C-alpha atoms as a PDB file:
ATOM      1  CA  UNK A   1     -31.836  -5.547  24.746  1.00  0.00           C
ATOM      2  CA  UNK A   2     -31.593  -4.820  20.580  1.00  0.00           C
ATOM      3  CA  UNK A   3     -28.492  -2.456  19.500  1.00  0.00           C
ATOM      4  CA  UNK A   4     -29.368   0.558  17.527  1.00  0.00           C
ATOM      5  CA  UNK A   5     -30.079  -0.264  13.883  1.00  0.00           C
ATOM      6  CA  UNK A   6     -27.328   2.467  11.736  1.00  0.00           C
ATOM      7  CA  UNK A   7     -29.354   4.506   9.336  1.00  0.00           C
ATOM      8  CA  UNK A   8     -28.904   2.307   6.340  1.00  0.00           C
ATOM      9  CA  UNK A   9     -30.612  -0.149   8.295  1.00  0.00           C
ATOM     10  CA  UNK A  10     -33.258   2.044   9.748  1.00  0.00           C
ATOM     11  CA  UNK A  11     -34.133   2.834   5.987  1.00  0.00           C
ATOM     12  CA  UNK A  12     -34.832  -1.080   5.194  1.00  0.00           C
ATOM     13  CA  UNK A  13     -36.799  -1.508   8.319  1.00  0.00           C
ATOM     14  CA  UNK A  14     -39.125   1.770   7.242  1.00  0.00           C
ATOM     15  CA  UNK A  15     -39.235   0.490   3.908  1.00  0.00           C
ATOM     16  CA  UNK A  16     -40.554  -2.922   5.095  1.00  0.00           C
ATOM     17  CA  UNK A  17     -42.028  -1.983   8.586  1.00  0.00           C
ATOM     18  CA  UNK A  18     -44.604  -5.164   8.382  1.00  0.00           C
ATOM     19  CA  UNK A  19     -41.588  -7.213   8.223  1.00  0.00           C
ATOM     20  CA  UNK A  20     -40.583  -5.469  11.581  1.00  0.00           C
ATOM     21  CA  UNK A  21     -40.341  -7.226  14.835  1.00  0.00           C
ATOM     22  CA  UNK A  22     -41.475  -5.296  18.353  1.00  0.00           C
ATOM     23  CA  UNK A  23     -39.032  -5.011  20.559  1.00  0.00           C
ATOM     24  CA  UNK A  24     -41.300  -6.891  22.985  1.00  0.00           C
ATOM     25  CA  UNK A  25     -41.624  -9.640  20.993  1.00  0.00           C
ATOM     26  CA  UNK A  26     -38.087 -10.261  20.448  1.00  0.00           C
ATOM     27  CA  UNK A  27     -37.631 -10.220  24.123  1.00  0.00           C
ATOM     28  CA  UNK A  28     -39.971 -12.648  24.479  1.00  0.00           C
ATOM     29  CA  UNK A  29     -38.520 -15.026  21.869  1.00  0.00           C
ATOM     30  CA  UNK A  30     -35.524 -14.770  23.027  1.00  0.00           C
ATOM     31  CA  UNK A  31     -36.499 -15.203  26.735  1.00  0.00           C
ATOM     32  CA  UNK A  32     -38.687 -18.549  25.481  1.00  0.00           C
ATOM     33  CA  UNK A  33     -35.470 -20.111  23.669  1.00  0.00           C
ATOM     34  CA  UNK A  34     -33.219 -19.318  26.802  1.00  0.00           C
ATOM     35  CA  UNK A  35     -35.908 -20.857  29.306  1.00  0.00           C
ATOM     36  CA  UNK A  36     -36.784 -18.016  30.540  1.00  0.00           C
ATOM     37  CA  UNK A  37     -35.694 -14.266  31.465  1.00  0.00           C
ATOM     38  CA  UNK A  38     -33.448 -15.379  34.146  1.00  0.00           C
ATOM     39  CA  UNK A  39     -31.466 -17.472  31.843  1.00  0.00           C
ATOM     40  CA  UNK A  40     -31.180 -14.805  28.943  1.00  0.00           C
ATOM     41  CA  UNK A  41     -27.653 -13.594  29.892  1.00  0.00           C
ATOM     42  CA  UNK A  42     -26.357 -17.059  29.997  1.00  0.00           C
ATOM     43  CA  UNK A  43     -23.553 -17.625  27.393  1.00  0.00           C
ATOM     44  CA  UNK A  44     -24.971 -21.185  26.371  1.00  0.00           C
ATOM     45  CA  UNK A  45     -28.437 -19.749  25.357  1.00  0.00           C
ATOM     46  CA  UNK A  46     -26.437 -16.808  23.466  1.00  0.00           C
ATOM     47  CA  UNK A  47     -22.737 -17.110  23.005  1.00  0.00           C
ATOM     48  CA  UNK A  48     -22.005 -13.057  22.878  1.00  0.00           C
ATOM     49  CA  UNK A  49     -22.523 -13.107  26.874  1.00  0.00           C
ATOM     50  CA  UNK A  50     -19.177 -15.342  27.652  1.00  0.00           C
ATOM     51  CA  UNK A  51     -16.117 -15.303  26.258  1.00  0.00           C
ATOM     52  CA  UNK A  52     -15.771 -15.371  22.588  1.00  0.00           C
ATOM     53  CA  UNK A  53     -12.195 -16.115  22.617  1.00  0.00           C
ATOM     54  CA  UNK A  54     -12.327 -19.629  21.941  1.00  0.00           C
ATOM     55  CA  UNK A  55     -14.924 -19.721  19.385  1.00  0.00           C
ATOM     56  CA  UNK A  56     -14.566 -21.214  15.341  1.00  0.00           C
ATOM     57  CA  UNK A  57     -14.462 -19.984  12.795  1.00  0.00           C
ATOM     58  CA  UNK A  58     -17.950 -17.885  12.116  1.00  0.00           C
ATOM     59  CA  UNK A  59     -20.673 -16.736   9.400  1.00  0.00           C
ATOM     60  CA  UNK A  60     -22.799 -14.822  10.374  1.00  0.00           C
ATOM     61  CA  UNK A  61     -25.490 -13.959   7.504  1.00  0.00           C
ATOM     62  CA  UNK A  62     -28.177 -11.734   8.318  1.00  0.00           C
ATOM     63  CA  UNK A  63     -30.832 -10.749   6.948  1.00  0.00           C
ATOM     64  CA  UNK A  64     -31.295  -7.547   5.099  1.00  0.00           C
ATOM     65  CA  UNK A  65     -34.570  -6.658   6.498  1.00  0.00           C
ATOM     66  CA  UNK A  66     -34.692  -8.091   9.822  1.00  0.00           C
ATOM     67  CA  UNK A  67     -34.796  -5.624  12.920  1.00  0.00           C
ATOM     68  CA  UNK A  68     -32.003  -8.395  14.673  1.00  0.00           C
ATOM     69  CA  UNK A  69     -29.731  -7.741  11.894  1.00  0.00           C
ATOM     70  CA  UNK A  70     -28.000  -5.321  14.075  1.00  0.00           C
ATOM     71  CA  UNK A  71     -27.460  -7.646  16.592  1.00  0.00           C
ATOM     72  CA  UNK A  72     -25.664  -9.913  14.267  1.00  0.00           C
ATOM     73  CA  UNK A  73     -23.875  -7.016  13.048  1.00  0.00           C
ATOM     74  CA  UNK A  74     -22.190  -6.076  16.349  1.00  0.00           C
ATOM     75  CA  UNK A  75     -21.799  -9.677  17.522  1.00  0.00           C
ATOM     76  CA  UNK A  76     -19.669  -9.895  14.362  1.00  0.00           C
ATOM     77  CA  UNK A  77     -17.721  -6.867  15.719  1.00  0.00           C
ATOM     78  CA  UNK A  78     -17.290  -8.569  18.924  1.00  0.00           C
ATOM     79  CA  UNK A  79     -15.706 -11.620  17.567  1.00  0.00           C
ATOM     80  CA  UNK A  80     -13.270  -9.751  15.153  1.00  0.00           C
ATOM     81  CA  UNK A  81     -11.896  -8.024  18.563  1.00  0.00           C
ATOM     82  CA  UNK A  82     -11.488 -10.973  20.023  1.00  0.00           C
ATOM     83  CA  UNK A  83      -9.296 -12.809  17.186  1.00  0.00           C
ATOM     84  CA  UNK A  84     -12.224 -14.684  16.181  1.00  0.00           C
ATOM     85  CA  UNK A  85     -12.080 -15.890  12.232  1.00  0.00           C
ATOM     86  CA  UNK A  86     -15.800 -14.296  11.323  1.00  0.00           C
ATOM     87  CA  UNK A  87     -17.262 -13.085   8.106  1.00  0.00           C
ATOM     88  CA  UNK A  88     -20.304 -10.763   8.881  1.00  0.00           C
ATOM     89  CA  UNK A  89     -22.507 -10.559   5.571  1.00  0.00           C
ATOM     90  CA  UNK A  90     -26.528  -9.482   4.552  1.00  0.00           C
ATOM     91  CA  UNK A  91     -28.615 -11.723   2.278  1.00  0.00           C
ATOM     92  CA  UNK A  92     -30.220  -8.931   0.276  1.00  0.00           C
ATOM     93  CA  UNK A  93     -33.751  -8.703   0.004  1.00  0.00           C
ATOM     94  CA  UNK A  94     -34.338 -11.305   2.175  1.00  0.00           C
ATOM     95  CA  UNK A  95     -36.419 -11.061   5.561  1.00  0.00           C
ATOM     96  CA  UNK A  96     -36.142 -12.742   8.714  1.00  0.00           C
ATOM     97  CA  UNK A  97     -36.612 -16.218   8.600  1.00  0.00           C
ATOM     98  CA  UNK A  98     -35.872 -16.468   4.839  1.00  0.00           C
ATOM     99  CA  UNK A  99     -33.622 -19.887   5.019  1.00  0.00           C
ATOM    100  CA  UNK A 100     -37.467 -21.228   6.125  1.00  0.00           C
ATOM    101  CA  UNK A 101     -38.191 -21.068   2.440  1.00  0.00           C
ATOM    102  CA  UNK A 102     -34.997 -22.828   0.753  1.00  0.00           C
ATOM    103  CA  UNK A 103     -37.192 -22.676  -2.209  1.00  0.00           C
ATOM    104  CA  UNK A 104     -37.319 -18.692  -2.659  1.00  0.00           C
ATOM    105  CA  UNK A 105     -34.520 -16.938  -4.251  1.00  0.00           C
ATOM    106  CA  UNK A 106     -33.085 -15.233  -1.080  1.00  0.00           C
ATOM    107  CA  UNK A 107     -32.713 -18.715   0.623  1.00  0.00           C
ATOM    108  CA  UNK A 108     -30.855 -20.072  -2.429  1.00  0.00           C
ATOM    109  CA  UNK A 109     -28.732 -18.011  -2.632  1.00  0.00           C
ATOM    110  CA  UNK A 110     -28.037 -17.978   1.344  1.00  0.00           C
ATOM    111  CA  UNK A 111     -27.853 -21.167   0.993  1.00  0.00           C
ATOM    112  CA  UNK A 112     -25.012 -21.272  -1.569  1.00  0.00           C
ATOM    113  CA  UNK A 113     -22.986 -18.730   0.459  1.00  0.00           C
ATOM    114  CA  UNK A 114     -23.104 -21.426   3.530  1.00  0.00           C
ATOM    115  CA  UNK A 115     -22.047 -24.321   1.316  1.00  0.00           C
ATOM    116  CA  UNK A 116     -19.436 -22.261  -0.705  1.00  0.00           C
ATOM    117  CA  UNK A 117     -17.897 -20.741   3.252  1.00  0.00           C
ATOM    118  CA  UNK A 118     -18.009 -23.996   4.719  1.00  0.00           C
ATOM    119  CA  UNK A 119     -15.513 -25.875   1.555  1.00  0.00           C
ATOM    120  CA  UNK A 120     -13.650 -23.061   1.713  1.00  0.00           C
ATOM    121  CA  UNK A 121     -13.082 -24.011   5.615  1.00  0.00           C
ATOM    122  CA  UNK A 122     -11.825 -27.714   4.595  1.00  0.00           C
END
């Protein structure tokens, strides 16, 4: 199940209700990704289900308009608690899957942010 969104995210999702994924759809997508409902708790499918302490530095770049954003934010908090070097941000005016459209402004900004984050690591 997805974490309850904070007030800011609830407002954004209300304003962009056409972009919101229903919980049943999210569950179906997650089960398909994992290979079945019985594998949804497998840390190889979803890292948050395992030991986080040994994960590498992580950039979590959520979309502002995304019903999954709260999940990314909670995962970032869990990584931080496990002493993992983590940066959690969101791309303004971006909807879920925005990187699938790399020539649109939100995706271009995200790609630049990702490249800069990687460059800062080396």
